[in-house]
C-alpha atoms as a PDB file:
ATOM      1  CA  UNK A   1      -2.829  33.397 -21.835  1.00  0.00           C
ATOM      2  CA  UNK A   2      -0.022  32.185 -19.583  1.00  0.00           C
ATOM      3  CA  UNK A   3       0.764  28.494 -19.312  1.00  0.00           C
ATOM      4  CA  UNK A   4       0.795  27.530 -15.673  1.00  0.00           C
ATOM      5  CA  UNK A   5       3.005  24.611 -14.723  1.00  0.00           C
ATOM      6  CA  UNK A   6       0.918  21.553 -14.092  1.00  0.00           C
ATOM      7  CA  UNK A   7       1.130  20.370 -10.535  1.00  0.00           C
ATOM      8  CA  UNK A   8       0.767  16.781  -9.610  1.00  0.00           C
ATOM      9  CA  UNK A   9      -2.290  15.794  -7.628  1.00  0.00           C
ATOM     10  CA  UNK A  10      -1.746  14.901  -4.020  1.00  0.00           C
ATOM     11  CA  UNK A  11      -0.037  11.568  -3.917  1.00  0.00           C
ATOM     12  CA  UNK A  12       3.209   9.744  -4.255  1.00  0.00           C
ATOM     13  CA  UNK A  13       6.384  10.849  -5.917  1.00  0.00           C
ATOM     14  CA  UNK A  14       7.121   9.033  -9.182  1.00  0.00           C
ATOM     15  CA  UNK A  15       9.807   6.946  -7.475  1.00  0.00           C
ATOM     16  CA  UNK A  16       7.394   5.915  -4.707  1.00  0.00           C
ATOM     17  CA  UNK A  17       4.808   5.023  -7.302  1.00  0.00           C
ATOM     18  CA  UNK A  18       7.315   2.887  -9.193  1.00  0.00           C
ATOM     19  CA  UNK A  19       8.488   1.251  -5.983  1.00  0.00           C
ATOM     20  CA  UNK A  20       4.904   0.369  -5.023  1.00  0.00           C
ATOM     21  CA  UNK A  21       4.237  -1.080  -8.481  1.00  0.00           C
ATOM     22  CA  UNK A  22       7.386  -3.201  -8.219  1.00  0.00           C
ATOM     23  CA  UNK A  23       6.359  -4.474  -4.767  1.00  0.00           C
ATOM     24  CA  UNK A  24       2.863  -5.253  -6.068  1.00  0.00           C
ATOM     25  CA  UNK A  25       4.369  -7.243  -8.948  1.00  0.00           C
ATOM     26  CA  UNK A  26       6.752  -9.110  -6.625  1.00  0.00           C
ATOM     27  CA  UNK A  27       3.946 -10.099  -4.259  1.00  0.00           C
ATOM     28  CA  UNK A  28       1.713 -11.092  -7.172  1.00  0.00           C
ATOM     29  CA  UNK A  29       4.446 -13.337  -8.598  1.00  0.00           C
ATOM     30  CA  UNK A  30       4.969 -14.884  -5.151  1.00  0.00           C
ATOM     31  CA  UNK A  31       1.206 -15.499  -4.975  1.00  0.00           C
ATOM     32  CA  UNK A  32       1.262 -17.234  -8.357  1.00  0.00           C
ATOM     33  CA  UNK A  33       4.210 -19.344  -7.196  1.00  0.00           C
ATOM     34  CA  UNK A  34       2.153 -20.156  -4.092  1.00  0.00           C
ATOM     35  CA  UNK A  35      -0.654 -21.425  -6.323  1.00  0.00           C
ATOM     36  CA  UNK A  36       1.790 -23.701  -8.159  1.00  0.00           C
ATOM     37  CA  UNK A  37       3.623 -24.963  -5.054  1.00  0.00           C
ATOM     38  CA  UNK A  38       1.157 -26.339  -2.485  1.00  0.00           C
ATOM     39  CA  UNK A  39       3.321 -25.762   0.608  1.00  0.00           C
ATOM     40  CA  UNK A  40       3.684 -22.011  -0.006  1.00  0.00           C
ATOM     41  CA  UNK A  41       0.712 -19.839   1.002  1.00  0.00           C
ATOM     42  CA  UNK A  42      -0.694 -17.631  -1.741  1.00  0.00           C
ATOM     43  CA  UNK A  43      -3.448 -15.571  -0.100  1.00  0.00           C
ATOM     44  CA  UNK A  44      -1.178 -13.259   1.974  1.00  0.00           C
ATOM     45  CA  UNK A  45       0.882 -12.457  -1.117  1.00  0.00           C
ATOM     46  CA  UNK A  46      -2.187 -11.601  -3.194  1.00  0.00           C
ATOM     47  CA  UNK A  47      -3.492  -9.404  -0.359  1.00  0.00           C
ATOM     48  CA  UNK A  48      -0.171  -7.537  -0.149  1.00  0.00           C
ATOM     49  CA  UNK A  49      -0.230  -7.100  -3.907  1.00  0.00           C
ATOM     50  CA  UNK A  50      -3.678  -5.505  -3.741  1.00  0.00           C
ATOM     51  CA  UNK A  51      -2.592  -3.249  -0.875  1.00  0.00           C
ATOM     52  CA  UNK A  52       0.404  -1.957  -2.841  1.00  0.00           C
ATOM     53  CA  UNK A  53      -1.746  -1.487  -5.944  1.00  0.00           C
ATOM     54  CA  UNK A  54      -4.238   0.509  -3.875  1.00  0.00           C
ATOM     55  CA  UNK A  55      -1.449   2.958  -3.060  1.00  0.00           C
ATOM     56  CA  UNK A  56      -0.963   3.645  -6.774  1.00  0.00           C
ATOM     57  CA  UNK A  57      -4.378   3.349  -8.442  1.00  0.00           C
ATOM     58  CA  UNK A  58      -7.475   5.187  -7.127  1.00  0.00           C
ATOM     59  CA  UNK A  59      -9.843   2.641  -8.694  1.00  0.00           C
ATOM     60  CA  UNK A  60      -8.217  -0.198  -6.729  1.00  0.00           C
ATOM     61  CA  UNK A  61      -8.366   1.976  -3.590  1.00  0.00           C
ATOM     62  CA  UNK A  62     -12.124   2.538  -4.093  1.00  0.00           C
ATOM     63  CA  UNK A  63     -12.751  -1.172  -4.581  1.00  0.00           C
ATOM     64  CA  UNK A  64     -10.709  -1.977  -1.477  1.00  0.00           C
ATOM     65  CA  UNK A  65     -12.727   0.543   0.558  1.00  0.00           C
ATOM     66  CA  UNK A  66     -15.976  -0.919  -0.780  1.00  0.00           C
ATOM     67  CA  UNK A  67     -14.785  -4.431   0.133  1.00  0.00           C
ATOM     68  CA  UNK A  68     -13.794  -3.304   3.630  1.00  0.00           C
ATOM     69  CA  UNK A  69     -17.168  -1.597   4.073  1.00  0.00           C
ATOM     70  CA  UNK A  70     -18.927  -4.875   3.245  1.00  0.00           C
ATOM     71  CA  UNK A  71     -16.678  -6.966   5.528  1.00  0.00           C
ATOM     72  CA  UNK A  72     -16.354  -5.234   8.918  1.00  0.00           C
ATOM     73  CA  UNK A  73     -14.218  -7.927  10.587  1.00  0.00           C
ATOM     74  CA  UNK A  74     -11.566  -7.624   7.902  1.00  0.00           C
ATOM     75  CA  UNK A  75     -11.908  -3.832   8.021  1.00  0.00           C
ATOM     76  CA  UNK A  76     -11.175  -3.870  11.760  1.00  0.00           C
ATOM     77  CA  UNK A  77      -8.023  -5.970  11.280  1.00  0.00           C
ATOM     78  CA  UNK A  78      -6.914  -3.702   8.420  1.00  0.00           C
ATOM     79  CA  UNK A  79      -7.500  -0.571  10.510  1.00  0.00           C
ATOM     80  CA  UNK A  80      -5.540  -2.040  13.426  1.00  0.00           C
ATOM     81  CA  UNK A  81      -2.633  -2.874  11.117  1.00  0.00           C
ATOM     82  CA  UNK A  82      -2.765   0.581   9.517  1.00  0.00           C
ATOM     83  CA  UNK A  83      -2.832   2.369  12.901  1.00  0.00           C
ATOM     84  CA  UNK A  84       0.132   0.352  14.148  1.00  0.00           C
ATOM     85  CA  UNK A  85       2.059   1.190  10.971  1.00  0.00           C
ATOM     86  CA  UNK A  86       1.179   4.894  11.364  1.00  0.00           C
ATOM     87  CA  UNK A  87       2.466   4.902  14.974  1.00  0.00           C
ATOM     88  CA  UNK A  88       5.754   3.340  13.882  1.00  0.00           C
ATOM     89  CA  UNK A  89       6.170   5.897  11.095  1.00  0.00           C
ATOM     90  CA  UNK A  90       5.438   8.816  13.448  1.00  0.00           C
ATOM     91  CA  UNK A  91       7.910   7.469  16.015  1.00  0.00           C
ATOM     92  CA  UNK A  92      10.576   7.168  13.320  1.00  0.00           C
ATOM     93  CA  UNK A  93       9.928  10.743  12.159  1.00  0.00           C
ATOM     94  CA  UNK A  94      10.085  11.974  15.753  1.00  0.00           C
ATOM     95  CA  UNK A  95      13.424  10.197  16.288  1.00  0.00           C
ATOM     96  CA  UNK A  96      14.811  11.735  13.082  1.00  0.00           C
ATOM     97  CA  UNK A  97      13.774  15.233  14.158  1.00  0.00           C
ATOM     98  CA  UNK A  98      15.256  14.763  17.624  1.00  0.00           C
ATOM     99  CA  UNK A  99      18.590  13.638  16.185  1.00  0.00           C
ATOM    100  CA  UNK A 100      21.091  16.522  16.007  1.00  0.00           C
ATOM    101  CA  UNK A 101      22.094  17.560  12.512  1.00  0.00           C
END
């Protein structure tokens, strides 16, 4: 029997995964600081932390999808934000391809 090299499931590179975990931790810490300091908002930081965690962990992604399914107004805002981000990324890729090497 021949050992086949194990391929990684579709997803992020290890460096992207680490980067997303670091961003999630940074936003979580900022959210905790926001809880301790009344003038600093905490909710946006906790939301960003969950979004970055959903990029790394499938279980968090499933829970986020379930939450968005139950709350359509928030789901619409999230979809709008995601579509806008996707357009920016595609435009950046198009500019990079158009640039001479």
